[in-house]
C-alpha atoms as a PDB file:
ATOM      1  CA  UNK A   1     145.997 135.725 114.760  1.00  0.00           C
ATOM      2  CA  UNK A   2     144.988 136.536 111.069  1.00  0.00           C
ATOM      3  CA  UNK A   3     145.356 140.431 111.987  1.00  0.00           C
ATOM      4  CA  UNK A   4     149.065 139.544 113.605  1.00  0.00           C
ATOM      5  CA  UNK A   5     149.667 137.912 110.457  1.00  0.00           C
ATOM      6  CA  UNK A   6     148.976 140.349 108.214  1.00  0.00           C
ATOM      7  CA  UNK A   7     150.791 142.830 110.368  1.00  0.00           C
ATOM      8  CA  UNK A   8     153.822 140.843 110.186  1.00  0.00           C
ATOM      9  CA  UNK A   9     153.769 140.255 106.424  1.00  0.00           C
ATOM     10  CA  UNK A  10     153.084 144.133 105.793  1.00  0.00           C
ATOM     11  CA  UNK A  11     155.587 145.506 107.825  1.00  0.00           C
ATOM     12  CA  UNK A  12     158.204 142.972 106.833  1.00  0.00           C
ATOM     13  CA  UNK A  13     157.389 143.815 102.812  1.00  0.00           C
ATOM     14  CA  UNK A  14     157.546 147.444 103.468  1.00  0.00           C
ATOM     15  CA  UNK A  15     160.741 147.075 105.410  1.00  0.00           C
ATOM     16  CA  UNK A  16     162.500 145.248 103.067  1.00  0.00           C
ATOM     17  CA  UNK A  17     161.574 147.738 100.223  1.00  0.00           C
ATOM     18  CA  UNK A  18     162.822 150.784 102.327  1.00  0.00           C
ATOM     19  CA  UNK A  19     165.767 149.228 103.299  1.00  0.00           C
ATOM     20  CA  UNK A  20     166.411 148.280  99.592  1.00  0.00           C
ATOM     21  CA  UNK A  21     165.731 151.576  98.069  1.00  0.00           C
ATOM     22  CA  UNK A  22     167.546 153.375 100.828  1.00  0.00           C
ATOM     23  CA  UNK A  23     170.514 151.295 100.564  1.00  0.00           C
ATOM     24  CA  UNK A  24     170.602 151.547  96.564  1.00  0.00           C
ATOM     25  CA  UNK A  25     170.348 155.201  96.370  1.00  0.00           C
ATOM     26  CA  UNK A  26     173.165 155.605  98.784  1.00  0.00           C
ATOM     27  CA  UNK A  27     175.161 153.589  96.578  1.00  0.00           C
ATOM     28  CA  UNK A  28     174.139 155.081  93.477  1.00  0.00           C
ATOM     29  CA  UNK A  29     174.459 158.437  95.521  1.00  0.00           C
ATOM     30  CA  UNK A  30     178.361 157.597  96.593  1.00  0.00           C
ATOM     31  CA  UNK A  31     179.305 155.989  93.311  1.00  0.00           C
ATOM     32  CA  UNK A  32     178.069 158.490  90.841  1.00  0.00           C
ATOM     33  CA  UNK A  33     178.023 161.426  92.673  1.00  0.00           C
ATOM     34  CA  UNK A  34     180.654 161.087  95.750  1.00  0.00           C
ATOM     35  CA  UNK A  35     177.624 162.176  98.708  1.00  0.00           C
ATOM     36  CA  UNK A  36     176.608 159.983 101.214  1.00  0.00           C
ATOM     37  CA  UNK A  37     173.156 160.147 102.445  1.00  0.00           C
ATOM     38  CA  UNK A  38     173.575 160.064 105.978  1.00  0.00           C
ATOM     39  CA  UNK A  39     170.130 159.273 107.312  1.00  0.00           C
ATOM     40  CA  UNK A  40     169.907 156.154 105.216  1.00  0.00           C
ATOM     41  CA  UNK A  41     172.366 153.987 107.512  1.00  0.00           C
ATOM     42  CA  UNK A  42     170.221 155.624 110.491  1.00  0.00           C
ATOM     43  CA  UNK A  43     167.257 154.329 109.185  1.00  0.00           C
ATOM     44  CA  UNK A  44     168.630 150.930 107.440  1.00  0.00           C
ATOM     45  CA  UNK A  45     170.131 149.923 111.222  1.00  0.00           C
ATOM     46  CA  UNK A  46     166.452 150.386 113.058  1.00  0.00           C
ATOM     47  CA  UNK A  47     164.590 148.785 110.028  1.00  0.00           C
ATOM     48  CA  UNK A  48     166.874 145.998 110.416  1.00  0.00           C
ATOM     49  CA  UNK A  49     166.266 145.624 114.171  1.00  0.00           C
ATOM     50  CA  UNK A  50     162.428 145.537 113.080  1.00  0.00           C
ATOM     51  CA  UNK A  51     162.902 143.158 110.530  1.00  0.00           C
ATOM     52  CA  UNK A  52     164.825 140.520 112.651  1.00  0.00           C
ATOM     53  CA  UNK A  53     162.233 140.308 115.721  1.00  0.00           C
ATOM     54  CA  UNK A  54     159.597 140.191 113.363  1.00  0.00           C
ATOM     55  CA  UNK A  55     160.883 137.799 111.393  1.00  0.00           C
ATOM     56  CA  UNK A  56     162.119 135.759 114.332  1.00  0.00           C
ATOM     57  CA  UNK A  57     158.251 135.991 115.327  1.00  0.00           C
ATOM     58  CA  UNK A  58     157.298 134.880 111.961  1.00  0.00           C
ATOM     59  CA  UNK A  59     159.825 131.979 112.139  1.00  0.00           C
ATOM     60  CA  UNK A  60     158.238 130.580 115.406  1.00  0.00           C
ATOM     61  CA  UNK A  61     154.482 130.967 114.100  1.00  0.00           C
ATOM     62  CA  UNK A  62     156.009 128.849 110.855  1.00  0.00           C
ATOM     63  CA  UNK A  63     158.016 126.613 113.074  1.00  0.00           C
ATOM     64  CA  UNK A  64     161.207 127.216 110.970  1.00  0.00           C
ATOM     65  CA  UNK A  65     163.658 127.850 113.808  1.00  0.00           C
ATOM     66  CA  UNK A  66     166.248 125.168 113.861  1.00  0.00           C
ATOM     67  CA  UNK A  67     166.016 122.689 116.704  1.00  0.00           C
ATOM     68  CA  UNK A  68     167.873 119.461 117.886  1.00  0.00           C
ATOM     69  CA  UNK A  69     164.857 117.073 118.058  1.00  0.00           C
ATOM     70  CA  UNK A  70     166.675 113.768 118.726  1.00  0.00           C
ATOM     71  CA  UNK A  71     165.212 113.753 122.497  1.00  0.00           C
ATOM     72  CA  UNK A  72     161.957 115.139 121.488  1.00  0.00           C
ATOM     73  CA  UNK A  73     161.235 112.378 118.684  1.00  0.00           C
ATOM     74  CA  UNK A  74     162.708 109.462 120.988  1.00  0.00           C
ATOM     75  CA  UNK A  75     160.069 110.629 123.889  1.00  0.00           C
ATOM     76  CA  UNK A  76     156.853 109.583 125.192  1.00  0.00           C
ATOM     77  CA  UNK A  77     154.054 111.871 125.389  1.00  0.00           C
ATOM     78  CA  UNK A  78     154.930 113.162 128.931  1.00  0.00           C
ATOM     79  CA  UNK A  79     158.225 114.199 128.392  1.00  0.00           C
ATOM     80  CA  UNK A  80     157.436 115.530 124.936  1.00  0.00           C
ATOM     81  CA  UNK A  81     154.770 117.838 126.890  1.00  0.00           C
ATOM     82  CA  UNK A  82     157.430 118.823 129.136  1.00  0.00           C
ATOM     83  CA  UNK A  83     159.466 119.820 126.971  1.00  0.00           C
ATOM     84  CA  UNK A  84     157.188 122.067 124.873  1.00  0.00           C
ATOM     85  CA  UNK A  85     156.242 123.790 128.244  1.00  0.00           C
ATOM     86  CA  UNK A  86     160.055 124.261 129.296  1.00  0.00           C
ATOM     87  CA  UNK A  87     160.856 125.139 125.938  1.00  0.00           C
ATOM     88  CA  UNK A  88     157.650 127.930 125.544  1.00  0.00           C
ATOM     89  CA  UNK A  89     158.794 129.268 129.300  1.00  0.00           C
ATOM     90  CA  UNK A  90     162.285 129.654 128.329  1.00  0.00           C
ATOM     91  CA  UNK A  91     161.183 131.732 125.389  1.00  0.00           C
ATOM     92  CA  UNK A  92     158.796 133.712 127.097  1.00  0.00           C
ATOM     93  CA  UNK A  93     161.130 134.497 129.811  1.00  0.00           C
ATOM     94  CA  UNK A  94     163.869 135.446 126.622  1.00  0.00           C
ATOM     95  CA  UNK A  95     161.483 137.263 125.186  1.00  0.00           C
ATOM     96  CA  UNK A  96     159.816 138.701 127.935  1.00  0.00           C
ATOM     97  CA  UNK A  97     163.216 140.360 129.284  1.00  0.00           C
ATOM     98  CA  UNK A  98     163.899 141.828 125.930  1.00  0.00           C
ATOM     99  CA  UNK A  99     160.435 143.553 125.981  1.00  0.00           C
ATOM    100  CA  UNK A 100     161.135 145.018 129.715  1.00  0.00           C
ATOM    101  CA  UNK A 101     164.619 146.124 128.611  1.00  0.00           C
ATOM    102  CA  UNK A 102     163.356 147.701 125.197  1.00  0.00           C
ATOM    103  CA  UNK A 103     160.815 149.514 126.985  1.00  0.00           C
ATOM    104  CA  UNK A 104     163.011 150.508 129.967  1.00  0.00           C
ATOM    105  CA  UNK A 105     165.213 151.920 127.007  1.00  0.00           C
ATOM    106  CA  UNK A 106     162.375 153.637 125.256  1.00  0.00           C
ATOM    107  CA  UNK A 107     161.446 155.316 128.463  1.00  0.00           C
ATOM    108  CA  UNK A 108     165.271 156.166 129.212  1.00  0.00           C
ATOM    109  CA  UNK A 109     165.134 157.766 125.502  1.00  0.00           C
ATOM    110  CA  UNK A 110     161.888 159.547 126.148  1.00  0.00           C
ATOM    111  CA  UNK A 111     163.096 161.377 129.357  1.00  0.00           C
ATOM    112  CA  UNK A 112     166.416 162.269 127.787  1.00  0.00           C
ATOM    113  CA  UNK A 113     164.693 163.915 124.842  1.00  0.00           C
ATOM    114  CA  UNK A 114     167.255 161.798 122.845  1.00  0.00           C
ATOM    115  CA  UNK A 115     167.291 162.268 119.294  1.00  0.00           C
ATOM    116  CA  UNK A 116     168.799 160.802 116.120  1.00  0.00           C
ATOM    117  CA  UNK A 117     171.978 162.405 114.918  1.00  0.00           C
ATOM    118  CA  UNK A 118     171.428 162.543 111.049  1.00  0.00           C
ATOM    119  CA  UNK A 119     167.732 163.143 111.131  1.00  0.00           C
ATOM    120  CA  UNK A 120     166.683 164.619 114.270  1.00  0.00           C
ATOM    121  CA  UNK A 121     163.794 162.642 115.064  1.00  0.00           C
ATOM    122  CA  UNK A 122     163.028 160.982 118.572  1.00  0.00           C
ATOM    123  CA  UNK A 123     165.215 158.033 118.945  1.00  0.00           C
ATOM    124  CA  UNK A 124     162.610 156.095 120.860  1.00  0.00           C
ATOM    125  CA  UNK A 125     160.121 156.447 117.592  1.00  0.00           C
ATOM    126  CA  UNK A 126     162.955 154.261 115.976  1.00  0.00           C
ATOM    127  CA  UNK A 127     163.568 152.544 118.828  1.00  0.00           C
ATOM    128  CA  UNK A 128     159.936 151.139 119.109  1.00  0.00           C
ATOM    129  CA  UNK A 129     161.163 148.076 116.813  1.00  0.00           C
ATOM    130  CA  UNK A 130     162.597 146.016 119.716  1.00  0.00           C
ATOM    131  CA  UNK A 131     159.682 146.077 121.865  1.00  0.00           C
ATOM    132  CA  UNK A 132     157.226 145.459 119.201  1.00  0.00           C
ATOM    133  CA  UNK A 133     158.940 142.789 117.571  1.00  0.00           C
ATOM    134  CA  UNK A 134     159.675 141.149 121.092  1.00  0.00           C
ATOM    135  CA  UNK A 135     155.775 141.392 121.760  1.00  0.00           C
ATOM    136  CA  UNK A 136     155.141 139.743 118.748  1.00  0.00           C
ATOM    137  CA  UNK A 137     157.789 136.734 119.561  1.00  0.00           C
ATOM    138  CA  UNK A 138     155.766 136.261 123.113  1.00  0.00           C
ATOM    139  CA  UNK A 139     152.536 136.188 121.398  1.00  0.00           C
ATOM    140  CA  UNK A 140     153.830 133.655 118.765  1.00  0.00           C
ATOM    141  CA  UNK A 141     155.465 131.730 121.484  1.00  0.00           C
ATOM    142  CA  UNK A 142     152.363 131.387 123.253  1.00  0.00           C
ATOM    143  CA  UNK A 143     150.676 130.212 120.628  1.00  0.00           C
ATOM    144  CA  UNK A 144     152.593 127.592 119.655  1.00  0.00           C
ATOM    145  CA  UNK A 145     152.865 126.218 122.877  1.00  0.00           C
ATOM    146  CA  UNK A 146     149.049 125.978 122.833  1.00  0.00           C
ATOM    147  CA  UNK A 147     148.947 124.488 119.511  1.00  0.00           C
ATOM    148  CA  UNK A 148     151.492 122.143 120.234  1.00  0.00           C
ATOM    149  CA  UNK A 149     150.194 120.642 123.833  1.00  0.00           C
ATOM    150  CA  UNK A 150     146.405 120.978 122.215  1.00  0.00           C
ATOM    151  CA  UNK A 151     146.410 119.071 118.461  1.00  0.00           C
ATOM    152  CA  UNK A 152     150.538 119.144 117.656  1.00  0.00           C
ATOM    153  CA  UNK A 153     153.556 117.149 118.084  1.00  0.00           C
ATOM    154  CA  UNK A 154     152.941 116.357 121.465  1.00  0.00           C
ATOM    155  CA  UNK A 155     150.480 113.750 120.429  1.00  0.00           C
ATOM    156  CA  UNK A 156     152.810 112.490 117.562  1.00  0.00           C
ATOM    157  CA  UNK A 157     151.498 114.008 114.958  1.00  0.00           C
ATOM    158  CA  UNK A 158     154.032 115.607 112.096  1.00  0.00           C
ATOM    159  CA  UNK A 159     153.704 119.229 112.012  1.00  0.00           C
ATOM    160  CA  UNK A 160     154.507 121.248 109.239  1.00  0.00           C
ATOM    161  CA  UNK A 161     153.667 124.869 108.346  1.00  0.00           C
ATOM    162  CA  UNK A 162     150.372 126.474 109.890  1.00  0.00           C
ATOM    163  CA  UNK A 163     148.376 129.262 109.044  1.00  0.00           C
ATOM    164  CA  UNK A 164     146.324 130.807 111.588  1.00  0.00           C
END
């Protein structure tokens, strides 16, 4: 999982830098020269999708998502295991559906030979962010459920951030 950790962190770092630089250049260009760099919006929107899903994946890994834990905290070991399995299954289904439709969207864009308006790139290249991000979320969901069932909060331990 260290490779996935590294991948997520590097891609997120580069993506934030790309968005920051492109947006800054576009603002400066608009205000100083009265010109808008049209492709920056195209890239920024697609990179934000990547950041959203890779950030969600990293959040799953670090147990950073908000949750209501009153019932979980008061439950016994058996109910805790059930809650962990149920929430993991629901997350797996959600990210699985998003992955399925993301791949379907990619195939449609490839079939239609759809290109981006400003850059003229193949749209599916930029749309890869959705299935890549949701696949990372699936992997992290499975990882967290296994960790929690094996040696985590189900046995009563308090869990903080884990580095895998």
